[in-house]
N, C-alpha and C. Protein backbone atom coordinates (compact mmCIF):
# COMPACT_ATOMS: atom_id res chain seq x y z
N MET A 1 0.89 -1.18 0.03
CA MET A 1 -0.03 -0.02 0.01
C MET A 1 0.92 1.21 -0.03
N ASN A 2 0.62 2.18 -0.87
CA ASN A 2 1.51 3.32 -0.97
C ASN A 2 1.28 4.28 0.22
N GLU A 3 2.26 5.12 0.47
CA GLU A 3 2.21 6.00 1.63
C GLU A 3 1.05 6.98 1.61
N ASP A 4 0.70 7.46 0.45
CA ASP A 4 -0.43 8.38 0.35
C ASP A 4 -1.76 7.76 0.83
N LEU A 5 -1.98 6.50 0.43
CA LEU A 5 -3.17 5.83 0.88
C LEU A 5 -3.11 5.53 2.34
N LYS A 6 -1.96 5.20 2.87
CA LYS A 6 -1.82 4.99 4.32
C LYS A 6 -2.15 6.23 5.08
N LEU A 7 -1.72 7.41 4.58
CA LEU A 7 -1.98 8.66 5.23
C LEU A 7 -3.47 8.95 5.22
N GLN A 8 -4.15 8.68 4.07
CA GLN A 8 -5.60 8.90 3.98
C GLN A 8 -6.31 8.02 4.94
N ILE A 9 -5.87 6.80 5.16
CA ILE A 9 -6.50 5.91 6.12
C ILE A 9 -6.28 6.46 7.59
N LYS A 10 -5.07 6.89 7.80
CA LYS A 10 -4.73 7.40 9.12
C LYS A 10 -5.63 8.63 9.52
N ASN A 11 -5.95 9.42 8.50
CA ASN A 11 -6.77 10.61 8.74
C ASN A 11 -8.25 10.28 9.08
N ILE A 12 -8.66 9.09 8.85
CA ILE A 12 -10.10 8.74 9.10
C ILE A 12 -10.24 7.75 10.28
N VAL A 13 -9.13 7.42 10.85
CA VAL A 13 -9.18 6.45 11.95
C VAL A 13 -9.84 7.04 13.22
N GLU A 14 -10.68 6.24 13.83
CA GLU A 14 -11.35 6.55 15.07
C GLU A 14 -10.96 5.46 16.05
N PRO A 15 -9.92 5.71 16.88
CA PRO A 15 -9.42 4.71 17.75
C PRO A 15 -10.43 3.97 18.66
N LYS A 16 -11.45 4.68 19.07
CA LYS A 16 -12.51 4.08 19.89
C LYS A 16 -13.29 3.02 19.18
N ARG A 17 -13.37 3.14 17.85
CA ARG A 17 -14.10 2.14 17.00
C ARG A 17 -13.32 0.84 16.94
N SER A 18 -12.00 0.89 17.09
CA SER A 18 -11.16 -0.27 16.97
C SER A 18 -11.65 -1.37 17.96
N GLU A 19 -11.87 -1.02 19.19
CA GLU A 19 -12.32 -1.99 20.20
C GLU A 19 -13.64 -2.60 19.79
N PHE A 20 -14.58 -1.81 19.36
CA PHE A 20 -15.86 -2.28 18.89
C PHE A 20 -15.72 -3.26 17.73
N GLN A 21 -14.92 -2.87 16.74
CA GLN A 21 -14.75 -3.68 15.54
C GLN A 21 -14.08 -5.01 15.82
N THR A 22 -13.08 -4.99 16.69
CA THR A 22 -12.36 -6.30 17.00
C THR A 22 -13.27 -7.22 17.78
N LYS A 23 -14.28 -6.71 18.47
CA LYS A 23 -15.31 -7.62 19.06
C LYS A 23 -16.31 -8.10 18.05
N LEU A 24 -16.57 -7.36 17.03
CA LEU A 24 -17.58 -7.67 16.03
C LEU A 24 -17.06 -8.76 15.00
N PHE A 25 -15.83 -8.68 14.64
CA PHE A 25 -15.27 -9.63 13.72
C PHE A 25 -13.82 -9.98 14.05
N LYS A 26 -13.43 -11.19 13.78
CA LYS A 26 -12.04 -11.59 14.08
C LYS A 26 -11.21 -11.55 12.81
N THR A 27 -10.02 -10.97 12.88
CA THR A 27 -9.14 -10.91 11.76
C THR A 27 -7.73 -10.94 12.35
N SER A 28 -6.76 -11.43 11.51
CA SER A 28 -5.41 -11.47 11.99
C SER A 28 -4.68 -10.14 11.73
N TYR A 29 -5.37 -9.24 11.06
CA TYR A 29 -4.79 -7.89 10.78
C TYR A 29 -5.15 -6.96 11.93
N PRO A 30 -4.21 -6.01 12.21
CA PRO A 30 -4.60 -4.95 13.22
C PRO A 30 -5.76 -4.10 12.67
N VAL A 31 -6.66 -3.78 13.58
CA VAL A 31 -7.77 -2.92 13.21
C VAL A 31 -7.57 -1.57 13.94
N PHE A 32 -7.49 -0.50 13.13
CA PHE A 32 -7.28 0.81 13.69
C PHE A 32 -8.57 1.48 14.14
N GLY A 33 -9.68 1.11 13.43
CA GLY A 33 -10.95 1.73 13.72
C GLY A 33 -11.36 2.78 12.73
N SER A 34 -12.14 2.39 11.76
CA SER A 34 -12.59 3.33 10.71
C SER A 34 -13.95 2.94 10.27
N ARG A 35 -14.62 3.86 9.62
CA ARG A 35 -15.97 3.56 9.10
C ARG A 35 -15.90 3.16 7.65
N VAL A 36 -16.62 2.12 7.29
CA VAL A 36 -16.56 1.60 5.93
C VAL A 36 -16.91 2.73 4.87
N PRO A 37 -17.92 3.52 5.10
CA PRO A 37 -18.18 4.60 4.06
C PRO A 37 -16.96 5.48 3.85
N GLU A 38 -16.20 5.71 4.83
CA GLU A 38 -15.00 6.56 4.62
C GLU A 38 -13.96 5.86 3.81
N ILE A 39 -13.76 4.57 4.05
CA ILE A 39 -12.88 3.74 3.24
C ILE A 39 -13.35 3.73 1.79
N ARG A 40 -14.64 3.61 1.63
CA ARG A 40 -15.20 3.60 0.24
C ARG A 40 -14.93 4.90 -0.52
N LYS A 41 -14.99 6.00 0.19
CA LYS A 41 -14.70 7.34 -0.42
C LYS A 41 -13.26 7.36 -0.91
N ILE A 42 -12.35 6.86 -0.13
CA ILE A 42 -10.95 6.83 -0.53
C ILE A 42 -10.75 5.95 -1.76
N ALA A 43 -11.42 4.78 -1.71
CA ALA A 43 -11.32 3.86 -2.84
C ALA A 43 -11.89 4.42 -4.15
N LYS A 44 -12.99 5.12 -4.06
CA LYS A 44 -13.59 5.70 -5.29
C LYS A 44 -12.63 6.77 -5.84
N LYS A 45 -12.02 7.51 -4.98
CA LYS A 45 -11.01 8.55 -5.53
C LYS A 45 -9.80 7.89 -6.16
N ASN A 46 -9.50 6.66 -5.74
CA ASN A 46 -8.24 6.04 -6.18
C ASN A 46 -8.51 4.72 -6.98
N LYS A 47 -9.74 4.62 -7.52
CA LYS A 47 -10.17 3.39 -8.19
C LYS A 47 -9.28 3.03 -9.44
N ASP A 48 -8.59 3.99 -10.01
CA ASP A 48 -7.71 3.71 -11.19
C ASP A 48 -6.29 3.44 -10.81
N LEU A 49 -6.02 3.42 -9.49
CA LEU A 49 -4.70 3.24 -9.03
C LEU A 49 -4.33 1.76 -9.23
N ASP A 50 -3.15 1.49 -9.79
CA ASP A 50 -2.69 0.16 -10.03
C ASP A 50 -1.86 -0.30 -8.83
N LEU A 51 -2.49 -0.91 -7.87
CA LEU A 51 -1.75 -1.33 -6.62
C LEU A 51 -0.90 -2.50 -6.97
N ASN A 52 0.34 -2.44 -6.51
CA ASN A 52 1.17 -3.62 -6.67
C ASN A 52 0.62 -4.79 -5.94
N ARG A 53 0.44 -5.88 -6.60
CA ARG A 53 -0.15 -7.08 -5.97
C ARG A 53 0.78 -7.68 -4.93
N GLN A 54 2.07 -7.37 -4.96
CA GLN A 54 3.01 -7.90 -4.04
C GLN A 54 3.09 -7.07 -2.74
N ASP A 55 2.54 -5.90 -2.74
CA ASP A 55 2.52 -5.06 -1.54
C ASP A 55 1.81 -5.80 -0.35
N GLU A 56 2.36 -5.64 0.78
CA GLU A 56 1.73 -6.20 1.93
C GLU A 56 0.75 -5.25 2.56
N ASP A 57 -0.40 -5.68 2.84
CA ASP A 57 -1.39 -4.88 3.58
C ASP A 57 -1.17 -5.19 5.05
N LYS A 58 -0.89 -4.15 5.77
CA LYS A 58 -0.54 -4.31 7.19
C LYS A 58 -1.61 -4.11 8.18
N SER A 59 -2.83 -3.75 7.66
CA SER A 59 -3.95 -3.53 8.56
C SER A 59 -5.30 -3.98 7.87
N TYR A 60 -6.29 -4.05 8.68
CA TYR A 60 -7.62 -4.39 8.15
C TYR A 60 -8.03 -3.35 7.16
N GLU A 61 -7.82 -2.07 7.53
CA GLU A 61 -8.24 -0.97 6.72
C GLU A 61 -7.50 -0.95 5.36
N GLU A 62 -6.29 -1.25 5.33
CA GLU A 62 -5.52 -1.35 4.08
C GLU A 62 -6.07 -2.43 3.18
N LEU A 63 -6.34 -3.60 3.77
CA LEU A 63 -6.86 -4.71 2.99
C LEU A 63 -8.31 -4.38 2.49
N LEU A 64 -9.10 -3.80 3.39
CA LEU A 64 -10.46 -3.41 2.91
C LEU A 64 -10.38 -2.44 1.78
N LEU A 65 -9.50 -1.43 1.88
CA LEU A 65 -9.32 -0.43 0.84
C LEU A 65 -8.88 -1.12 -0.47
N ARG A 66 -7.98 -2.03 -0.41
CA ARG A 66 -7.50 -2.75 -1.64
C ARG A 66 -8.68 -3.46 -2.31
N GLY A 67 -9.53 -4.08 -1.51
CA GLY A 67 -10.68 -4.78 -2.09
C GLY A 67 -11.66 -3.81 -2.76
N PHE A 68 -11.90 -2.67 -2.14
CA PHE A 68 -12.77 -1.70 -2.75
C PHE A 68 -12.15 -1.10 -4.01
N ILE A 69 -10.86 -0.82 -4.04
CA ILE A 69 -10.24 -0.30 -5.23
C ILE A 69 -10.37 -1.35 -6.39
N ILE A 70 -10.19 -2.58 -6.07
CA ILE A 70 -10.35 -3.63 -7.14
C ILE A 70 -11.78 -3.62 -7.61
N ALA A 71 -12.73 -3.57 -6.69
CA ALA A 71 -14.17 -3.65 -7.01
C ALA A 71 -14.56 -2.40 -7.87
N TYR A 72 -14.15 -1.26 -7.46
CA TYR A 72 -14.58 -0.06 -8.16
C TYR A 72 -13.87 0.21 -9.53
N ASN A 73 -12.71 -0.39 -9.72
CA ASN A 73 -11.99 -0.21 -10.96
C ASN A 73 -12.79 -0.69 -12.17
N LYS A 74 -12.71 0.03 -13.19
CA LYS A 74 -13.54 -0.23 -14.40
C LYS A 74 -13.00 -1.29 -15.33
N ASP A 75 -11.86 -1.86 -15.04
CA ASP A 75 -11.32 -2.95 -15.90
C ASP A 75 -12.31 -4.14 -15.93
N SER A 76 -12.26 -4.92 -16.93
CA SER A 76 -13.12 -6.09 -17.02
C SER A 76 -12.73 -7.11 -15.96
N VAL A 77 -13.61 -8.05 -15.72
CA VAL A 77 -13.37 -9.14 -14.78
C VAL A 77 -12.12 -9.90 -15.17
N LEU A 78 -11.92 -10.14 -16.42
CA LEU A 78 -10.76 -10.85 -16.93
C LEU A 78 -9.46 -10.06 -16.61
N GLU A 79 -9.53 -8.75 -16.81
CA GLU A 79 -8.38 -7.91 -16.55
C GLU A 79 -8.08 -7.86 -15.02
N LYS A 80 -9.10 -8.01 -14.25
CA LYS A 80 -8.91 -7.88 -12.74
C LYS A 80 -8.65 -9.25 -12.15
N ASN A 81 -8.76 -10.31 -12.89
CA ASN A 81 -8.70 -11.70 -12.37
C ASN A 81 -7.58 -11.96 -11.42
N GLU A 82 -6.36 -11.62 -11.79
CA GLU A 82 -5.18 -11.84 -10.93
C GLU A 82 -5.25 -11.07 -9.62
N ARG A 83 -5.68 -9.79 -9.75
CA ARG A 83 -5.83 -8.94 -8.51
C ARG A 83 -6.89 -9.56 -7.58
N ILE A 84 -8.02 -10.07 -8.17
CA ILE A 84 -9.08 -10.66 -7.39
C ILE A 84 -8.56 -11.90 -6.66
N LYS A 85 -7.83 -12.77 -7.42
CA LYS A 85 -7.33 -13.98 -6.81
C LYS A 85 -6.39 -13.72 -5.67
N ALA A 86 -5.50 -12.73 -5.86
CA ALA A 86 -4.55 -12.37 -4.80
C ALA A 86 -5.29 -11.81 -3.61
N TYR A 87 -6.32 -11.04 -3.86
CA TYR A 87 -7.10 -10.46 -2.77
C TYR A 87 -7.80 -11.52 -1.96
N LEU A 88 -8.44 -12.43 -2.66
CA LEU A 88 -9.25 -13.44 -1.99
C LEU A 88 -8.41 -14.30 -1.10
N GLU A 89 -7.12 -14.51 -1.42
CA GLU A 89 -6.26 -15.33 -0.53
C GLU A 89 -5.94 -14.62 0.77
N LYS A 90 -6.10 -13.29 0.82
CA LYS A 90 -5.82 -12.51 2.02
C LYS A 90 -7.02 -12.41 2.99
N ILE A 91 -8.20 -12.63 2.48
CA ILE A 91 -9.40 -12.45 3.24
C ILE A 91 -9.41 -13.46 4.47
N ASP A 92 -9.63 -12.97 5.66
CA ASP A 92 -9.61 -13.80 6.80
C ASP A 92 -10.74 -13.55 7.77
N SER A 93 -11.76 -12.76 7.31
CA SER A 93 -12.89 -12.49 8.18
C SER A 93 -14.17 -12.25 7.31
N TRP A 94 -15.33 -12.50 7.96
CA TRP A 94 -16.55 -12.27 7.25
C TRP A 94 -16.70 -10.77 6.83
N ALA A 95 -16.15 -9.86 7.60
CA ALA A 95 -16.32 -8.45 7.30
C ALA A 95 -15.61 -8.07 5.98
N LEU A 96 -14.41 -8.57 5.77
CA LEU A 96 -13.67 -8.32 4.55
C LEU A 96 -14.40 -9.02 3.38
N CYS A 97 -14.89 -10.21 3.58
CA CYS A 97 -15.59 -10.95 2.52
C CYS A 97 -16.88 -10.25 2.10
N ASP A 98 -17.67 -9.96 3.08
CA ASP A 98 -18.97 -9.28 2.80
C ASP A 98 -18.79 -7.92 2.15
N SER A 99 -17.86 -7.15 2.63
CA SER A 99 -17.58 -5.83 2.07
C SER A 99 -17.21 -5.94 0.61
N PHE A 100 -16.29 -6.81 0.31
CA PHE A 100 -15.83 -6.96 -1.06
C PHE A 100 -16.91 -7.50 -1.96
N CYS A 101 -17.59 -8.54 -1.52
CA CYS A 101 -18.61 -9.18 -2.37
C CYS A 101 -19.82 -8.27 -2.70
N THR A 102 -20.19 -7.47 -1.74
CA THR A 102 -21.33 -6.56 -1.95
C THR A 102 -20.94 -5.39 -2.84
N THR A 103 -19.69 -5.12 -2.94
CA THR A 103 -19.20 -3.97 -3.75
C THR A 103 -18.86 -4.38 -5.12
N PHE A 104 -18.35 -5.60 -5.31
CA PHE A 104 -17.88 -6.07 -6.63
C PHE A 104 -19.10 -6.40 -7.52
N LYS A 105 -19.18 -5.82 -8.62
CA LYS A 105 -20.29 -6.03 -9.54
C LYS A 105 -19.73 -6.56 -10.90
N ILE A 106 -20.39 -7.53 -11.42
CA ILE A 106 -20.06 -8.05 -12.79
C ILE A 106 -21.00 -7.41 -13.74
N LYS A 107 -20.43 -6.84 -14.83
CA LYS A 107 -21.25 -6.24 -15.90
C LYS A 107 -22.03 -7.24 -16.61
N LYS A 108 -23.26 -6.87 -17.04
CA LYS A 108 -24.14 -7.75 -17.71
C LYS A 108 -23.48 -8.48 -18.91
N GLU A 109 -22.73 -7.78 -19.63
CA GLU A 109 -22.00 -8.33 -20.84
C GLU A 109 -20.86 -9.26 -20.47
N GLU A 110 -20.49 -9.33 -19.22
CA GLU A 110 -19.42 -10.22 -18.79
C GLU A 110 -19.97 -11.51 -18.27
């Protein structure tokens, strides 16, 4: 995850939410505490960013953001295929899975 995206995440963190979220879902990633709509806003602004698939996501928020960027990107499913596969291997909680799956849309022609 690039430093600009990390800074954008840092700016929306609500530390008190972290405790609530870690009780709500279990993940091996550190949870800083942020609201999903705020992560979505960042993703929409950066949907055309080509994230390096080898980059390590070090927090729940970074991984969630990566999923949203993949989902919002206008490339075809075939063009996103490798990014999707790499992302799915990192999912370790229902919250990450549900957030990605409800955001990812397949075009009718695909």
